[in-house]
């Protein structure tokens, strides 16, 4: 039996690879992101981090990960191989 004080187990749900994959994301989804270069989430820097999605903008092909430090990526550029984003995986909590 799991304790209520333990964090839920996380399992990989889906590797995000196509424009359709990104456009199916919704606010609050957890996405594990790995970047080619460090991103700045002041005062720290990360190459890999899990973010809850703030917004998916289909008009500009952007996924907003954090508004405070303006962390986002253009998923069209990612699909075309031109983004700082190296890999993105949708995570799902194990019930």
N, C-alpha and C. Protein backbone atom coordinates (compact mmCIF):
# COMPACT_ATOMS: atom_id res chain seq x y z
N UNK A 1 0.84 -1.18 0.00
CA UNK A 1 0.00 0.00 0.00
C UNK A 1 0.88 1.25 0.00
N UNK A 2 0.56 2.20 -0.88
CA UNK A 2 1.35 3.43 -0.96
C UNK A 2 0.86 4.44 0.06
N UNK A 3 1.80 5.15 0.63
CA UNK A 3 1.47 6.20 1.58
C UNK A 3 0.98 7.44 0.83
N UNK A 4 0.09 8.19 1.44
CA UNK A 4 -0.41 9.43 0.84
C UNK A 4 0.68 10.49 0.77
N UNK A 5 1.77 10.29 1.52
CA UNK A 5 2.82 11.29 1.56
C UNK A 5 3.90 11.05 0.50
N UNK A 6 3.83 9.93 -0.20
CA UNK A 6 4.80 9.65 -1.24
C UNK A 6 4.37 10.32 -2.53
N UNK A 7 5.35 10.72 -3.33
CA UNK A 7 5.01 11.28 -4.63
C UNK A 7 4.58 10.13 -5.54
N UNK A 8 3.69 10.40 -6.50
CA UNK A 8 3.25 9.32 -7.37
C UNK A 8 4.39 8.85 -8.26
N UNK A 9 4.32 7.58 -8.65
CA UNK A 9 5.30 7.06 -9.61
C UNK A 9 5.05 7.74 -10.95
N UNK A 10 6.13 8.06 -11.64
CA UNK A 10 6.01 8.68 -12.95
C UNK A 10 6.41 7.66 -14.00
N UNK A 11 5.59 7.54 -15.03
CA UNK A 11 5.96 6.65 -16.11
C UNK A 11 5.93 7.43 -17.42
N UNK A 12 6.74 7.02 -18.36
CA UNK A 12 6.76 7.69 -19.65
C UNK A 12 5.47 7.36 -20.38
N UNK A 13 4.83 8.38 -20.87
CA UNK A 13 3.59 8.20 -21.59
C UNK A 13 3.83 8.21 -23.10
N UNK A 14 4.58 9.22 -23.59
CA UNK A 14 4.76 9.35 -25.03
C UNK A 14 5.91 10.28 -25.35
N UNK A 15 6.78 9.82 -26.24
CA UNK A 15 7.82 10.68 -26.77
C UNK A 15 7.18 11.60 -27.80
N UNK A 16 7.42 12.90 -27.68
CA UNK A 16 6.80 13.88 -28.57
C UNK A 16 7.70 14.09 -29.79
N UNK A 17 7.16 13.82 -30.97
CA UNK A 17 7.98 13.89 -32.18
C UNK A 17 7.34 14.63 -33.34
N UNK A 18 6.02 14.73 -33.37
CA UNK A 18 5.34 15.35 -34.51
C UNK A 18 4.60 16.61 -34.09
N UNK A 19 4.25 17.42 -35.07
CA UNK A 19 3.48 18.63 -34.79
C UNK A 19 2.16 18.25 -34.13
N UNK A 20 1.54 17.18 -34.58
CA UNK A 20 0.28 16.73 -33.99
C UNK A 20 0.46 16.36 -32.51
N UNK A 21 1.58 15.70 -32.18
CA UNK A 21 1.87 15.36 -30.77
C UNK A 21 1.86 16.61 -29.91
N UNK A 22 2.52 17.66 -30.37
CA UNK A 22 2.62 18.90 -29.59
C UNK A 22 1.28 19.63 -29.53
N UNK A 23 0.51 19.59 -30.62
CA UNK A 23 -0.77 20.30 -30.64
C UNK A 23 -1.82 19.59 -29.80
N UNK A 24 -1.58 18.33 -29.43
CA UNK A 24 -2.50 17.60 -28.55
C UNK A 24 -2.19 17.83 -27.07
N UNK A 25 -1.12 18.53 -26.76
CA UNK A 25 -0.80 18.83 -25.36
C UNK A 25 -1.79 19.85 -24.82
N UNK A 26 -1.95 19.83 -23.50
CA UNK A 26 -2.85 20.80 -22.88
C UNK A 26 -2.21 21.37 -21.61
N UNK A 27 -2.75 22.47 -21.16
CA UNK A 27 -2.26 23.13 -19.96
C UNK A 27 -2.22 22.13 -18.80
N UNK A 28 -1.08 22.12 -18.07
CA UNK A 28 -0.93 21.26 -16.92
C UNK A 28 -0.26 19.93 -17.21
N UNK A 29 -0.19 19.51 -18.48
CA UNK A 29 0.53 18.28 -18.82
C UNK A 29 1.98 18.42 -18.39
N UNK A 30 2.57 17.33 -17.91
CA UNK A 30 3.99 17.33 -17.52
C UNK A 30 4.83 16.87 -18.70
N UNK A 31 5.83 17.68 -19.05
CA UNK A 31 6.72 17.35 -20.15
C UNK A 31 8.16 17.39 -19.67
N UNK A 32 8.87 16.28 -19.88
CA UNK A 32 10.30 16.23 -19.57
C UNK A 32 11.03 16.74 -20.81
N UNK A 33 11.84 17.78 -20.62
CA UNK A 33 12.55 18.40 -21.74
C UNK A 33 14.06 18.29 -21.53
N UNK A 34 14.75 17.90 -22.59
CA UNK A 34 16.21 17.92 -22.60
C UNK A 34 16.63 18.89 -23.69
N UNK A 35 17.58 19.76 -23.37
CA UNK A 35 18.00 20.81 -24.29
C UNK A 35 19.44 20.59 -24.74
N UNK A 36 19.77 21.09 -25.93
CA UNK A 36 21.14 21.03 -26.44
C UNK A 36 22.06 21.90 -25.57
N UNK A 37 21.57 23.09 -25.20
CA UNK A 37 22.32 24.03 -24.36
C UNK A 37 21.50 24.31 -23.10
N UNK A 38 22.18 24.77 -22.06
CA UNK A 38 21.49 25.08 -20.81
C UNK A 38 20.42 26.13 -21.02
N UNK A 39 19.32 25.98 -20.28
CA UNK A 39 18.31 27.03 -20.21
C UNK A 39 18.46 27.69 -18.85
N UNK A 40 18.06 28.93 -18.77
CA UNK A 40 18.24 29.71 -17.54
C UNK A 40 16.90 29.87 -16.84
N UNK A 41 16.80 29.21 -15.69
CA UNK A 41 15.66 29.35 -14.81
C UNK A 41 16.24 29.98 -13.55
N UNK A 42 16.49 31.29 -13.62
CA UNK A 42 17.29 32.00 -12.64
C UNK A 42 16.85 31.70 -11.22
N UNK A 43 17.79 31.44 -10.34
CA UNK A 43 19.24 31.60 -10.50
C UNK A 43 19.94 30.35 -11.01
N UNK A 44 19.20 29.32 -11.40
CA UNK A 44 19.83 28.05 -11.81
C UNK A 44 19.82 27.89 -13.32
N UNK A 45 20.62 26.94 -13.78
CA UNK A 45 20.66 26.57 -15.19
C UNK A 45 20.41 25.08 -15.29
N UNK A 46 19.69 24.69 -16.32
CA UNK A 46 19.35 23.28 -16.50
C UNK A 46 19.59 22.84 -17.93
N UNK A 47 19.93 21.59 -18.10
CA UNK A 47 19.97 20.95 -19.41
C UNK A 47 18.76 20.03 -19.56
N UNK A 48 18.25 19.55 -18.41
CA UNK A 48 17.09 18.66 -18.37
C UNK A 48 16.18 19.11 -17.24
N UNK A 49 14.87 19.21 -17.53
CA UNK A 49 13.93 19.60 -16.49
C UNK A 49 12.51 19.19 -16.89
N UNK A 50 11.70 18.89 -15.89
CA UNK A 50 10.29 18.58 -16.12
C UNK A 50 9.48 19.84 -15.85
N UNK A 51 8.61 20.17 -16.79
CA UNK A 51 7.78 21.37 -16.69
C UNK A 51 6.30 21.01 -16.82
N UNK A 52 5.43 21.68 -16.03
CA UNK A 52 4.00 21.62 -16.35
C UNK A 52 3.75 22.66 -17.45
N UNK A 53 3.02 22.29 -18.45
CA UNK A 53 2.78 23.21 -19.58
C UNK A 53 1.88 24.35 -19.13
N UNK A 54 2.28 25.57 -19.48
CA UNK A 54 1.49 26.76 -19.20
C UNK A 54 0.48 26.98 -20.33
N UNK A 55 0.97 26.85 -21.59
CA UNK A 55 0.10 27.11 -22.75
C UNK A 55 0.72 26.51 -24.00
N UNK A 56 -0.14 26.06 -24.91
CA UNK A 56 0.29 25.63 -26.24
C UNK A 56 -0.31 26.61 -27.23
N UNK A 57 0.56 27.31 -27.97
CA UNK A 57 0.11 28.30 -28.95
C UNK A 57 0.25 27.71 -30.35
N UNK A 58 -0.86 27.27 -30.92
CA UNK A 58 -0.82 26.67 -32.25
C UNK A 58 -0.60 27.72 -33.34
N UNK A 59 -0.95 28.98 -33.06
CA UNK A 59 -0.76 30.04 -34.07
C UNK A 59 0.72 30.33 -34.31
N UNK A 60 1.55 30.24 -33.26
CA UNK A 60 2.99 30.51 -33.40
C UNK A 60 3.83 29.25 -33.23
N UNK A 61 3.16 28.09 -33.04
CA UNK A 61 3.83 26.79 -32.88
C UNK A 61 4.76 26.79 -31.66
N UNK A 62 4.30 27.36 -30.55
CA UNK A 62 5.11 27.45 -29.34
C UNK A 62 4.45 26.71 -28.18
N UNK A 63 5.30 26.11 -27.35
CA UNK A 63 4.86 25.55 -26.08
C UNK A 63 5.49 26.43 -25.00
N UNK A 64 4.64 27.06 -24.20
CA UNK A 64 5.09 27.93 -23.12
C UNK A 64 5.27 27.04 -21.88
N UNK A 65 6.51 26.99 -21.37
CA UNK A 65 6.82 26.15 -20.21
C UNK A 65 6.82 26.94 -18.92
N UNK A 66 7.20 28.20 -19.00
CA UNK A 66 7.24 29.06 -17.81
C UNK A 66 7.20 30.51 -18.26
N UNK A 67 6.35 31.31 -17.63
CA UNK A 67 6.25 32.72 -18.02
C UNK A 67 7.23 33.60 -17.24
N UNK A 68 7.54 33.24 -16.00
CA UNK A 68 8.42 34.07 -15.16
C UNK A 68 9.77 34.34 -15.85
N UNK A 69 10.39 33.30 -16.38
CA UNK A 69 11.70 33.45 -17.04
C UNK A 69 11.61 33.25 -18.55
N UNK A 70 10.40 33.34 -19.09
CA UNK A 70 10.17 33.25 -20.54
C UNK A 70 10.79 31.98 -21.14
N UNK A 71 10.45 30.83 -20.57
CA UNK A 71 10.96 29.56 -21.06
C UNK A 71 9.91 28.93 -21.97
N UNK A 72 10.28 28.75 -23.21
CA UNK A 72 9.38 28.18 -24.20
C UNK A 72 10.22 27.56 -25.31
N UNK A 73 9.56 26.83 -26.21
CA UNK A 73 10.23 26.37 -27.42
C UNK A 73 9.23 26.35 -28.56
N UNK A 74 9.76 26.46 -29.76
CA UNK A 74 8.97 26.41 -30.98
C UNK A 74 8.98 24.97 -31.47
N UNK A 75 7.83 24.30 -31.42
CA UNK A 75 7.80 22.87 -31.77
C UNK A 75 7.94 22.62 -33.26
N UNK A 76 7.62 23.58 -34.10
CA UNK A 76 7.87 23.43 -35.55
C UNK A 76 9.37 23.37 -35.80
N UNK A 77 10.13 24.24 -35.13
CA UNK A 77 11.59 24.22 -35.27
C UNK A 77 12.16 22.91 -34.73
N UNK A 78 11.58 22.39 -33.63
CA UNK A 78 12.04 21.12 -33.08
C UNK A 78 11.84 19.99 -34.09
N UNK A 79 10.66 19.91 -34.67
CA UNK A 79 10.35 18.86 -35.65
C UNK A 79 11.29 18.98 -36.86
N UNK A 80 11.65 20.20 -37.22
CA UNK A 80 12.55 20.44 -38.35
C UNK A 80 14.02 20.29 -37.98
N UNK A 81 14.32 19.99 -36.69
CA UNK A 81 15.70 19.80 -36.24
C UNK A 81 16.48 21.07 -36.04
N UNK A 82 15.78 22.20 -35.80
CA UNK A 82 16.44 23.51 -35.68
C UNK A 82 16.25 24.16 -34.32
N UNK A 83 15.93 23.39 -33.29
CA UNK A 83 15.60 23.94 -31.98
C UNK A 83 16.67 23.62 -30.95
N UNK A 84 16.70 24.40 -29.87
CA UNK A 84 17.54 24.08 -28.74
C UNK A 84 17.01 22.84 -28.01
N UNK A 85 15.74 22.53 -28.20
CA UNK A 85 15.14 21.35 -27.58
C UNK A 85 15.70 20.10 -28.24
N UNK A 86 16.27 19.22 -27.45
CA UNK A 86 16.84 17.97 -27.95
C UNK A 86 15.80 16.85 -27.94
N UNK A 87 14.99 16.79 -26.87
CA UNK A 87 14.03 15.70 -26.71
C UNK A 87 12.92 16.17 -25.77
N UNK A 88 11.70 15.72 -26.04
CA UNK A 88 10.56 16.04 -25.17
C UNK A 88 9.72 14.79 -24.99
N UNK A 89 9.33 14.52 -23.75
CA UNK A 89 8.53 13.35 -23.44
C UNK A 89 7.38 13.75 -22.53
N UNK A 90 6.18 13.38 -22.93
CA UNK A 90 5.00 13.61 -22.10
C UNK A 90 5.02 12.58 -20.98
N UNK A 91 4.88 13.04 -19.73
CA UNK A 91 4.88 12.15 -18.57
C UNK A 91 3.47 12.05 -18.02
N UNK A 92 3.19 10.90 -17.43
CA UNK A 92 1.89 10.67 -16.83
C UNK A 92 2.08 10.05 -15.47
N UNK A 93 1.33 10.55 -14.49
CA UNK A 93 1.42 9.97 -13.13
C UNK A 93 0.75 8.61 -13.13
N UNK A 94 1.40 7.67 -12.48
CA UNK A 94 0.88 6.32 -12.35
C UNK A 94 -0.18 6.33 -11.25
N UNK A 95 -1.36 5.91 -11.57
CA UNK A 95 -2.47 5.94 -10.59
C UNK A 95 -2.34 4.87 -9.56
